[in-house]
Amino acid sequence: MATIHKKVWKEYFDKIMAGKKKFELRLADFEVNDGDTLVLEEWDKDKQEYTGRKIETTATYIIKTKDVSFWSQEDIDKYGFQIIQFDVKND
C-alpha cells in the first residue's frame, strides 16, 4: 500500500475534519488504489502555504475516467458534472 500526500484547500479541509466531506475530485495524474493512505494536508491558497494541519485517510473506492459517454457533449457543456456522496439509510 502506498502513502500519498495531497494539498486540500482550507474550506474543504474543514469539511473533511467534520466528517461531512468524504470524497475528492482529483486530476488522475498520480496512481492511487484501494487501501492506499491519503495524507491530506491543509493548504492556504491565499498565503500559498501549508497550515500544518493534516489528516490521514484510506482510499476505499476509486473511479477513473477520461471519457464519460452517458451524456452528450452539449449537455456536459451546458450543465457540467456533479459528484454526489450518499449514505445508505438503515430503516
N, C-alpha and C. Protein backbone atom coordinates (compact mmCIF):
# COMPACT_ATOMS: atom_id res chain seq x y z
N MET A 1 0.84 -1.18 0.00
CA MET A 1 0.00 0.00 0.00
C MET A 1 0.89 1.25 0.00
N ALA A 2 0.46 2.24 -0.75
CA ALA A 2 1.23 3.48 -0.88
C ALA A 2 0.69 4.55 0.08
N THR A 3 1.55 5.51 0.39
CA THR A 3 1.14 6.71 1.14
C THR A 3 1.31 7.89 0.20
N ILE A 4 0.24 8.64 0.00
CA ILE A 4 0.21 9.73 -0.97
C ILE A 4 -0.16 11.02 -0.24
N HIS A 5 0.63 12.06 -0.41
CA HIS A 5 0.37 13.36 0.21
C HIS A 5 -0.27 14.30 -0.82
N LYS A 6 -1.36 14.96 -0.43
CA LYS A 6 -2.04 15.90 -1.31
C LYS A 6 -2.48 17.14 -0.55
N LYS A 7 -2.43 18.28 -1.24
CA LYS A 7 -2.94 19.54 -0.69
C LYS A 7 -4.46 19.54 -0.71
N VAL A 8 -5.05 20.18 0.30
CA VAL A 8 -6.50 20.39 0.33
C VAL A 8 -6.74 21.82 0.80
N TRP A 9 -7.52 22.58 0.05
CA TRP A 9 -7.82 23.95 0.44
C TRP A 9 -8.55 23.97 1.78
N LYS A 10 -8.35 25.05 2.52
CA LYS A 10 -8.88 25.17 3.88
C LYS A 10 -10.37 24.89 3.99
N GLU A 11 -11.17 25.45 3.08
CA GLU A 11 -12.63 25.29 3.19
C GLU A 11 -13.06 23.83 3.02
N TYR A 12 -12.31 23.07 2.25
CA TYR A 12 -12.62 21.65 2.08
C TYR A 12 -12.05 20.83 3.24
N PHE A 13 -10.88 21.22 3.71
CA PHE A 13 -10.25 20.52 4.83
C PHE A 13 -11.15 20.53 6.05
N ASP A 14 -11.76 21.67 6.34
CA ASP A 14 -12.67 21.77 7.49
C ASP A 14 -13.84 20.80 7.36
N LYS A 15 -14.37 20.65 6.15
CA LYS A 15 -15.49 19.72 5.92
C LYS A 15 -15.03 18.27 6.07
N ILE A 16 -13.81 17.97 5.66
CA ILE A 16 -13.26 16.62 5.84
C ILE A 16 -13.09 16.34 7.33
N MET A 17 -12.53 17.29 8.07
CA MET A 17 -12.33 17.12 9.51
C MET A 17 -13.65 16.92 10.24
N ALA A 18 -14.71 17.57 9.78
CA ALA A 18 -16.03 17.47 10.41
C ALA A 18 -16.75 16.17 10.02
N GLY A 19 -16.18 15.41 9.08
CA GLY A 19 -16.80 14.17 8.64
C GLY A 19 -17.89 14.37 7.61
N LYS A 20 -18.01 15.59 7.10
CA LYS A 20 -19.07 15.90 6.14
C LYS A 20 -18.65 15.59 4.70
N LYS A 21 -17.39 15.80 4.37
CA LYS A 21 -16.88 15.57 3.01
C LYS A 21 -16.05 14.30 3.02
N LYS A 22 -16.49 13.32 2.22
CA LYS A 22 -15.84 12.01 2.21
C LYS A 22 -15.42 11.59 0.81
N PHE A 23 -15.07 12.57 -0.02
CA PHE A 23 -14.65 12.27 -1.38
C PHE A 23 -13.68 13.35 -1.84
N GLU A 24 -12.94 13.05 -2.88
CA GLU A 24 -12.05 14.03 -3.51
C GLU A 24 -12.22 13.89 -5.02
N LEU A 25 -12.30 14.99 -5.70
CA LEU A 25 -12.24 15.02 -7.16
C LEU A 25 -10.84 15.48 -7.51
N ARG A 26 -10.09 14.65 -8.17
CA ARG A 26 -8.69 14.95 -8.46
C ARG A 26 -8.37 14.63 -9.91
N LEU A 27 -7.43 15.37 -10.46
CA LEU A 27 -6.83 15.02 -11.74
C LEU A 27 -6.10 13.70 -11.55
N ALA A 28 -6.28 12.78 -12.46
CA ALA A 28 -5.68 11.45 -12.33
C ALA A 28 -4.22 11.46 -12.79
N ASP A 29 -3.43 12.37 -12.22
CA ASP A 29 -2.02 12.50 -12.59
C ASP A 29 -1.11 11.75 -11.60
N PHE A 30 -1.72 10.88 -10.77
CA PHE A 30 -0.95 10.05 -9.85
C PHE A 30 -1.70 8.74 -9.68
N GLU A 31 -1.00 7.71 -9.25
CA GLU A 31 -1.59 6.39 -9.06
C GLU A 31 -2.12 6.27 -7.64
N VAL A 32 -3.36 5.84 -7.51
CA VAL A 32 -3.95 5.57 -6.20
C VAL A 32 -4.82 4.32 -6.33
N ASN A 33 -4.78 3.50 -5.29
CA ASN A 33 -5.53 2.24 -5.30
C ASN A 33 -6.26 2.07 -3.98
N ASP A 34 -7.27 1.21 -3.99
CA ASP A 34 -7.98 0.88 -2.76
C ASP A 34 -6.97 0.48 -1.69
N GLY A 35 -7.15 1.03 -0.50
CA GLY A 35 -6.28 0.69 0.62
C GLY A 35 -5.10 1.63 0.80
N ASP A 36 -4.79 2.45 -0.21
CA ASP A 36 -3.70 3.42 -0.07
C ASP A 36 -4.06 4.47 0.97
N THR A 37 -3.05 5.00 1.63
CA THR A 37 -3.24 6.08 2.59
C THR A 37 -3.09 7.41 1.88
N LEU A 38 -4.11 8.26 2.04
CA LEU A 38 -4.02 9.64 1.54
C LEU A 38 -3.81 10.54 2.74
N VAL A 39 -2.67 11.24 2.75
CA VAL A 39 -2.41 12.23 3.78
C VAL A 39 -2.83 13.57 3.19
N LEU A 40 -3.95 14.09 3.68
CA LEU A 40 -4.49 15.35 3.17
C LEU A 40 -3.98 16.48 4.04
N GLU A 41 -3.24 17.41 3.42
CA GLU A 41 -2.60 18.50 4.14
C GLU A 41 -3.27 19.83 3.78
N GLU A 42 -3.71 20.53 4.82
CA GLU A 42 -4.43 21.79 4.60
C GLU A 42 -3.51 22.82 3.97
N TRP A 43 -4.04 23.47 2.91
CA TRP A 43 -3.29 24.45 2.13
C TRP A 43 -4.05 25.76 2.11
N ASP A 44 -3.38 26.83 2.49
CA ASP A 44 -3.97 28.17 2.43
C ASP A 44 -3.65 28.74 1.06
N LYS A 45 -4.65 28.76 0.18
CA LYS A 45 -4.40 29.20 -1.20
C LYS A 45 -4.08 30.69 -1.29
N ASP A 46 -4.55 31.49 -0.31
CA ASP A 46 -4.25 32.93 -0.33
C ASP A 46 -2.80 33.20 0.06
N LYS A 47 -2.32 32.49 1.07
CA LYS A 47 -0.93 32.66 1.53
C LYS A 47 0.05 31.78 0.78
N GLN A 48 -0.52 30.81 0.01
CA GLN A 48 0.30 29.86 -0.74
C GLN A 48 1.27 29.09 0.18
N GLU A 49 0.67 28.54 1.28
CA GLU A 49 1.49 27.76 2.20
C GLU A 49 0.62 26.76 2.96
N TYR A 50 1.28 25.73 3.47
CA TYR A 50 0.58 24.76 4.31
C TYR A 50 0.31 25.38 5.67
N THR A 51 -0.81 24.96 6.28
CA THR A 51 -1.16 25.47 7.61
C THR A 51 -0.56 24.62 8.72
N GLY A 52 -0.16 23.41 8.40
CA GLY A 52 0.37 22.49 9.39
C GLY A 52 -0.63 21.42 9.81
N ARG A 53 -1.90 21.61 9.46
CA ARG A 53 -2.90 20.59 9.79
C ARG A 53 -2.93 19.54 8.68
N LYS A 54 -3.10 18.29 9.09
CA LYS A 54 -3.22 17.21 8.12
C LYS A 54 -4.05 16.09 8.73
N ILE A 55 -4.60 15.26 7.86
CA ILE A 55 -5.40 14.12 8.29
C ILE A 55 -5.09 12.95 7.38
N GLU A 56 -4.96 11.77 7.98
CA GLU A 56 -4.73 10.55 7.20
C GLU A 56 -6.06 9.89 6.91
N THR A 57 -6.24 9.50 5.66
CA THR A 57 -7.46 8.80 5.23
C THR A 57 -7.05 7.55 4.45
N THR A 58 -8.01 6.69 4.23
CA THR A 58 -7.77 5.48 3.44
C THR A 58 -8.65 5.52 2.21
N ALA A 59 -8.05 5.32 1.05
CA ALA A 59 -8.81 5.25 -0.20
C ALA A 59 -9.62 3.96 -0.19
N THR A 60 -10.95 4.09 -0.37
CA THR A 60 -11.80 2.91 -0.33
C THR A 60 -12.48 2.61 -1.66
N TYR A 61 -12.58 3.60 -2.55
CA TYR A 61 -13.21 3.39 -3.85
C TYR A 61 -12.72 4.46 -4.81
N ILE A 62 -12.26 4.06 -5.97
CA ILE A 62 -11.72 5.00 -6.95
C ILE A 62 -12.40 4.78 -8.28
N ILE A 63 -12.84 5.87 -8.90
CA ILE A 63 -13.36 5.83 -10.26
C ILE A 63 -12.39 6.65 -11.12
N LYS A 64 -11.91 6.04 -12.18
CA LYS A 64 -11.01 6.75 -13.10
C LYS A 64 -11.68 6.78 -14.46
N THR A 65 -11.71 7.94 -15.09
CA THR A 65 -12.32 8.04 -16.40
C THR A 65 -11.69 9.18 -17.19
N LYS A 66 -11.67 9.01 -18.48
CA LYS A 66 -11.27 10.08 -19.39
C LYS A 66 -12.45 10.48 -20.26
N ASP A 67 -13.34 9.54 -20.42
CA ASP A 67 -14.45 9.77 -21.33
C ASP A 67 -15.74 9.29 -20.68
N VAL A 68 -16.67 10.17 -20.52
CA VAL A 68 -17.98 9.82 -19.97
C VAL A 68 -18.97 9.91 -21.12
N SER A 69 -19.51 8.77 -21.53
CA SER A 69 -20.38 8.76 -22.70
C SER A 69 -21.86 8.66 -22.33
N PHE A 70 -22.20 8.92 -21.08
CA PHE A 70 -23.60 8.87 -20.67
C PHE A 70 -24.40 10.05 -21.23
N TRP A 71 -23.74 11.18 -21.43
CA TRP A 71 -24.42 12.39 -21.85
C TRP A 71 -23.77 12.96 -23.11
N SER A 72 -24.52 13.79 -23.80
CA SER A 72 -23.96 14.44 -24.98
C SER A 72 -23.00 15.55 -24.54
N GLN A 73 -22.08 15.90 -25.43
CA GLN A 73 -21.14 16.98 -25.13
C GLN A 73 -21.90 18.29 -24.92
N GLU A 74 -23.00 18.47 -25.65
CA GLU A 74 -23.83 19.67 -25.49
C GLU A 74 -24.37 19.77 -24.06
N ASP A 75 -24.88 18.66 -23.52
CA ASP A 75 -25.39 18.67 -22.15
C ASP A 75 -24.27 18.89 -21.13
N ILE A 76 -23.12 18.27 -21.37
CA ILE A 76 -21.98 18.46 -20.48
C ILE A 76 -21.57 19.93 -20.47
N ASP A 77 -21.48 20.55 -21.65
CA ASP A 77 -21.12 21.97 -21.73
C ASP A 77 -22.15 22.85 -21.02
N LYS A 78 -23.42 22.48 -21.13
CA LYS A 78 -24.49 23.28 -20.54
C LYS A 78 -24.56 23.12 -19.02
N TYR A 79 -24.45 21.87 -18.52
CA TYR A 79 -24.70 21.60 -17.11
C TYR A 79 -23.45 21.28 -16.30
N GLY A 80 -22.41 20.76 -16.94
CA GLY A 80 -21.24 20.31 -16.20
C GLY A 80 -21.51 19.01 -15.47
N PHE A 81 -20.65 18.66 -14.55
CA PHE A 81 -20.78 17.45 -13.76
C PHE A 81 -21.00 17.81 -12.30
N GLN A 82 -21.55 16.88 -11.56
CA GLN A 82 -21.58 16.99 -10.11
C GLN A 82 -21.28 15.60 -9.55
N ILE A 83 -20.65 15.58 -8.41
CA ILE A 83 -20.38 14.33 -7.71
C ILE A 83 -21.27 14.32 -6.49
N ILE A 84 -21.97 13.23 -6.29
CA ILE A 84 -22.92 13.14 -5.18
C ILE A 84 -22.43 12.06 -4.22
N GLN A 85 -22.27 12.44 -3.01
CA GLN A 85 -21.94 11.48 -1.95
C GLN A 85 -23.23 11.08 -1.26
N PHE A 86 -23.35 9.84 -0.89
CA PHE A 86 -24.56 9.44 -0.17
C PHE A 86 -24.25 8.37 0.85
N ASP A 87 -25.10 8.25 1.85
CA ASP A 87 -25.08 7.19 2.84
C ASP A 87 -26.33 6.36 2.66
N VAL A 88 -26.22 5.08 2.84
CA VAL A 88 -27.37 4.19 2.76
C VAL A 88 -28.20 4.36 4.03
N LYS A 89 -29.51 4.56 3.86
CA LYS A 89 -30.40 4.68 5.01
C LYS A 89 -30.67 3.30 5.59
N ASN A 90 -30.57 3.20 6.88
CA ASN A 90 -30.90 1.96 7.57
C ASN A 90 -32.22 2.13 8.26
N ASP A 91 -33.28 1.56 7.67
CA ASP A 91 -34.61 1.71 8.25
C ASP A 91 -34.84 0.75 9.38
